[in-house]
Amino acid sequence: MPLTEVAVVPIAGILIGGAMTATSLAGRRALDELRDRHGEYEAALALGLVPRDAALEVCRPNYWSWSRSWPSRRSPSR
């Protein structure tokens, strides 16, 4: 398929629109987490973390929080 304006413009619009949606949803989720877990944010600041690191500590996905919801790939223990 040749790269012409007719093909590139719609594809670029789809890609940019998808990226904007993902960014918007991630931002909303991060703000909701900070609002709900404000005490943890304050505790991280009290322990000496800079505001950016404290916010990342609260907003960053935790391995243990999502790994329990995924089915185990190991065989059942006997």
N, C-alpha and C. Protein backbone atom coordinates (compact mmCIF):
# COMPACT_ATOMS: atom_id res chain seq x y z
N MET A 1 0.85 -1.17 0.00
CA MET A 1 0.00 0.00 0.00
C MET A 1 0.90 1.24 0.00
N PRO A 2 0.76 2.08 -0.98
CA PRO A 2 1.60 3.28 -1.03
C PRO A 2 1.18 4.29 0.05
N LEU A 3 2.17 5.00 0.58
CA LEU A 3 1.90 6.00 1.60
C LEU A 3 1.50 7.31 0.93
N THR A 4 0.22 7.51 0.81
CA THR A 4 -0.29 8.74 0.23
C THR A 4 -1.03 9.51 1.32
N GLU A 5 -1.34 10.77 1.04
CA GLU A 5 -2.07 11.58 2.02
C GLU A 5 -3.40 10.96 2.38
N VAL A 6 -4.01 10.32 1.42
CA VAL A 6 -5.32 9.71 1.65
C VAL A 6 -5.22 8.59 2.69
N ALA A 7 -4.09 7.90 2.74
CA ALA A 7 -3.92 6.80 3.69
C ALA A 7 -3.27 7.26 4.99
N VAL A 8 -2.33 8.19 4.92
CA VAL A 8 -1.56 8.58 6.09
C VAL A 8 -2.37 9.42 7.06
N VAL A 9 -3.13 10.36 6.57
CA VAL A 9 -3.87 11.28 7.45
C VAL A 9 -4.87 10.54 8.34
N PRO A 10 -5.71 9.66 7.83
CA PRO A 10 -6.64 8.96 8.72
C PRO A 10 -5.92 8.05 9.73
N ILE A 11 -4.87 7.38 9.28
CA ILE A 11 -4.14 6.49 10.19
C ILE A 11 -3.46 7.30 11.29
N ALA A 12 -2.87 8.43 10.93
CA ALA A 12 -2.25 9.30 11.94
C ALA A 12 -3.29 9.82 12.93
N GLY A 13 -4.47 10.17 12.44
CA GLY A 13 -5.54 10.63 13.33
C GLY A 13 -5.98 9.55 14.30
N ILE A 14 -6.08 8.33 13.82
CA ILE A 14 -6.46 7.21 14.69
C ILE A 14 -5.41 7.00 15.77
N LEU A 15 -4.14 7.01 15.38
CA LEU A 15 -3.05 6.80 16.34
C LEU A 15 -2.99 7.92 17.38
N ILE A 16 -3.10 9.16 16.93
CA ILE A 16 -3.06 10.29 17.86
C ILE A 16 -4.28 10.27 18.79
N GLY A 17 -5.44 9.96 18.24
CA GLY A 17 -6.64 9.89 19.07
C GLY A 17 -6.54 8.80 20.13
N GLY A 18 -5.99 7.66 19.76
CA GLY A 18 -5.81 6.57 20.73
C GLY A 18 -4.83 6.95 21.82
N ALA A 19 -3.75 7.63 21.44
CA ALA A 19 -2.76 8.07 22.43
C ALA A 19 -3.36 9.11 23.37
N MET A 20 -4.18 10.02 22.84
CA MET A 20 -4.82 11.02 23.70
C MET A 20 -5.78 10.36 24.68
N THR A 21 -6.53 9.37 24.24
CA THR A 21 -7.46 8.67 25.12
C THR A 21 -6.71 7.94 26.22
N ALA A 22 -5.64 7.24 25.86
CA ALA A 22 -4.86 6.50 26.86
C ALA A 22 -4.24 7.45 27.88
N THR A 23 -3.73 8.57 27.43
CA THR A 23 -3.12 9.55 28.33
C THR A 23 -4.16 10.14 29.27
N SER A 24 -5.32 10.45 28.74
CA SER A 24 -6.39 11.02 29.55
C SER A 24 -6.85 10.03 30.62
N LEU A 25 -7.03 8.77 30.25
CA LEU A 25 -7.47 7.77 31.22
C LEU A 25 -6.40 7.52 32.28
N ALA A 26 -5.14 7.49 31.89
CA ALA A 26 -4.06 7.30 32.86
C ALA A 26 -3.99 8.47 33.83
N GLY A 27 -4.15 9.68 33.33
CA GLY A 27 -4.14 10.85 34.20
C GLY A 27 -5.28 10.85 35.18
N ARG A 28 -6.47 10.49 34.72
CA ARG A 28 -7.62 10.42 35.62
C ARG A 28 -7.42 9.37 36.70
N ARG A 29 -6.88 8.22 36.29
CA ARG A 29 -6.64 7.16 37.25
C ARG A 29 -5.61 7.60 38.29
N ALA A 30 -4.56 8.26 37.86
CA ALA A 30 -3.52 8.72 38.78
C ALA A 30 -4.09 9.74 39.78
N LEU A 31 -4.88 10.66 39.30
CA LEU A 31 -5.47 11.65 40.20
C LEU A 31 -6.45 11.00 41.17
N ASP A 32 -7.23 10.03 40.72
CA ASP A 32 -8.13 9.31 41.62
C ASP A 32 -7.36 8.57 42.70
N GLU A 33 -6.25 7.93 42.31
CA GLU A 33 -5.42 7.22 43.29
C GLU A 33 -4.85 8.19 44.31
N LEU A 34 -4.35 9.33 43.86
CA LEU A 34 -3.81 10.32 44.80
C LEU A 34 -4.89 10.86 45.72
N ARG A 35 -6.09 11.03 45.21
CA ARG A 35 -7.19 11.52 46.03
C ARG A 35 -7.59 10.48 47.07
N ASP A 36 -7.68 9.21 46.64
CA ASP A 36 -8.11 8.14 47.54
C ASP A 36 -7.03 7.75 48.55
N ARG A 37 -5.77 7.86 48.15
CA ARG A 37 -4.67 7.41 49.01
C ARG A 37 -3.79 8.59 49.44
N HIS A 38 -4.45 9.68 49.77
CA HIS A 38 -3.73 10.90 50.14
C HIS A 38 -2.87 10.68 51.39
N GLY A 39 -3.34 9.87 52.31
CA GLY A 39 -2.57 9.59 53.52
C GLY A 39 -1.24 8.92 53.21
N GLU A 40 -1.23 8.00 52.25
CA GLU A 40 0.01 7.33 51.86
C GLU A 40 0.97 8.33 51.21
N TYR A 41 0.42 9.24 50.45
CA TYR A 41 1.24 10.29 49.83
C TYR A 41 1.89 11.15 50.90
N GLU A 42 1.10 11.56 51.89
CA GLU A 42 1.63 12.37 52.99
C GLU A 42 2.67 11.60 53.78
N ALA A 43 2.45 10.30 53.99
CA ALA A 43 3.42 9.49 54.72
C ALA A 43 4.74 9.40 53.95
N ALA A 44 4.66 9.25 52.65
CA ALA A 44 5.88 9.19 51.84
C ALA A 44 6.63 10.51 51.90
N LEU A 45 5.92 11.62 51.90
CA LEU A 45 6.57 12.92 52.05
C LEU A 45 7.22 13.03 53.42
N ALA A 46 6.55 12.53 54.46
CA ALA A 46 7.09 12.59 55.82
C ALA A 46 8.35 11.75 55.95
N LEU A 47 8.45 10.69 55.14
CA LEU A 47 9.64 9.84 55.17
C LEU A 47 10.80 10.42 54.37
N GLY A 48 10.55 11.55 53.68
CA GLY A 48 11.64 12.23 52.99
C GLY A 48 11.62 12.12 51.48
N LEU A 49 10.61 11.49 50.91
CA LEU A 49 10.54 11.42 49.46
C LEU A 49 10.18 12.79 48.90
N VAL A 50 10.70 13.09 47.73
CA VAL A 50 10.30 14.33 47.07
C VAL A 50 8.88 14.14 46.53
N PRO A 51 8.13 15.22 46.29
CA PRO A 51 6.73 15.07 45.87
C PRO A 51 6.53 14.17 44.65
N ARG A 52 7.42 14.26 43.67
CA ARG A 52 7.28 13.43 42.47
C ARG A 52 7.39 11.95 42.81
N ASP A 53 8.41 11.60 43.61
CA ASP A 53 8.59 10.19 43.98
C ASP A 53 7.46 9.69 44.87
N ALA A 54 6.95 10.55 45.75
CA ALA A 54 5.83 10.15 46.60
C ALA A 54 4.59 9.88 45.75
N ALA A 55 4.34 10.73 44.77
CA ALA A 55 3.18 10.52 43.90
C ALA A 55 3.35 9.26 43.07
N LEU A 56 4.55 9.01 42.56
CA LEU A 56 4.79 7.79 41.79
C LEU A 56 4.62 6.55 42.65
N GLU A 57 5.03 6.63 43.90
CA GLU A 57 4.89 5.49 44.80
C GLU A 57 3.41 5.13 44.99
N VAL A 58 2.56 6.13 45.03
CA VAL A 58 1.13 5.88 45.22
C VAL A 58 0.48 5.46 43.91
N CYS A 59 0.85 6.07 42.80
CA CYS A 59 0.16 5.84 41.53
C CYS A 59 0.70 4.67 40.73
N ARG A 60 1.94 4.31 40.94
CA ARG A 60 2.55 3.24 40.15
C ARG A 60 1.88 1.92 40.48
N PRO A 61 1.56 1.12 39.46
CA PRO A 61 0.93 -0.18 39.75
C PRO A 61 1.87 -1.05 40.57
N ASN A 62 1.29 -1.73 41.52
CA ASN A 62 2.05 -2.61 42.39
C ASN A 62 1.92 -4.03 41.87
N TYR A 63 3.03 -4.76 41.82
CA TYR A 63 3.01 -6.13 41.30
C TYR A 63 2.02 -6.99 42.08
N TRP A 64 2.02 -6.88 43.38
CA TRP A 64 1.18 -7.77 44.20
C TRP A 64 -0.29 -7.44 44.06
N SER A 65 -0.64 -6.22 43.73
CA SER A 65 -2.06 -5.87 43.63
C SER A 65 -2.71 -6.47 42.38
N TRP A 66 -1.97 -6.56 41.28
CA TRP A 66 -2.59 -7.09 40.07
C TRP A 66 -2.25 -8.56 39.85
N SER A 67 -1.18 -9.06 40.44
CA SER A 67 -0.80 -10.44 40.17
C SER A 67 -1.78 -11.43 40.78
N ARG A 68 -2.45 -11.06 41.87
CA ARG A 68 -3.41 -11.97 42.49
C ARG A 68 -4.65 -12.16 41.64
N SER A 69 -4.96 -11.18 40.79
CA SER A 69 -6.17 -11.29 39.97
C SER A 69 -5.93 -12.11 38.72
N TRP A 70 -4.67 -12.34 38.35
CA TRP A 70 -4.36 -13.13 37.17
C TRP A 70 -4.35 -14.61 37.52
N PRO A 71 -4.82 -15.45 36.62
CA PRO A 71 -4.77 -16.88 36.92
C PRO A 71 -3.32 -17.35 37.01
N SER A 72 -3.10 -18.28 37.88
CA SER A 72 -1.76 -18.80 38.07
C SER A 72 -1.36 -19.64 36.87
N ARG A 73 -0.11 -19.53 36.46
CA ARG A 73 0.38 -20.31 35.33
C ARG A 73 1.11 -21.55 35.81
N ARG A 74 1.28 -21.68 37.12
CA ARG A 74 1.94 -22.85 37.65
C ARG A 74 0.94 -23.99 37.77
N SER A 75 1.45 -25.19 37.76
CA SER A 75 0.56 -26.33 37.95
C SER A 75 0.16 -26.37 39.43
N PRO A 76 -1.00 -26.90 39.71
CA PRO A 76 -1.47 -26.93 41.11
C PRO A 76 -0.48 -27.72 41.97
N SER A 77 -0.23 -27.20 43.19
CA SER A 77 0.68 -27.90 44.08
C SER A 77 -0.03 -29.12 44.68
N ARG A 78 0.77 -30.10 44.98
CA ARG A 78 0.17 -31.35 45.51
C ARG A 78 0.44 -31.46 46.97
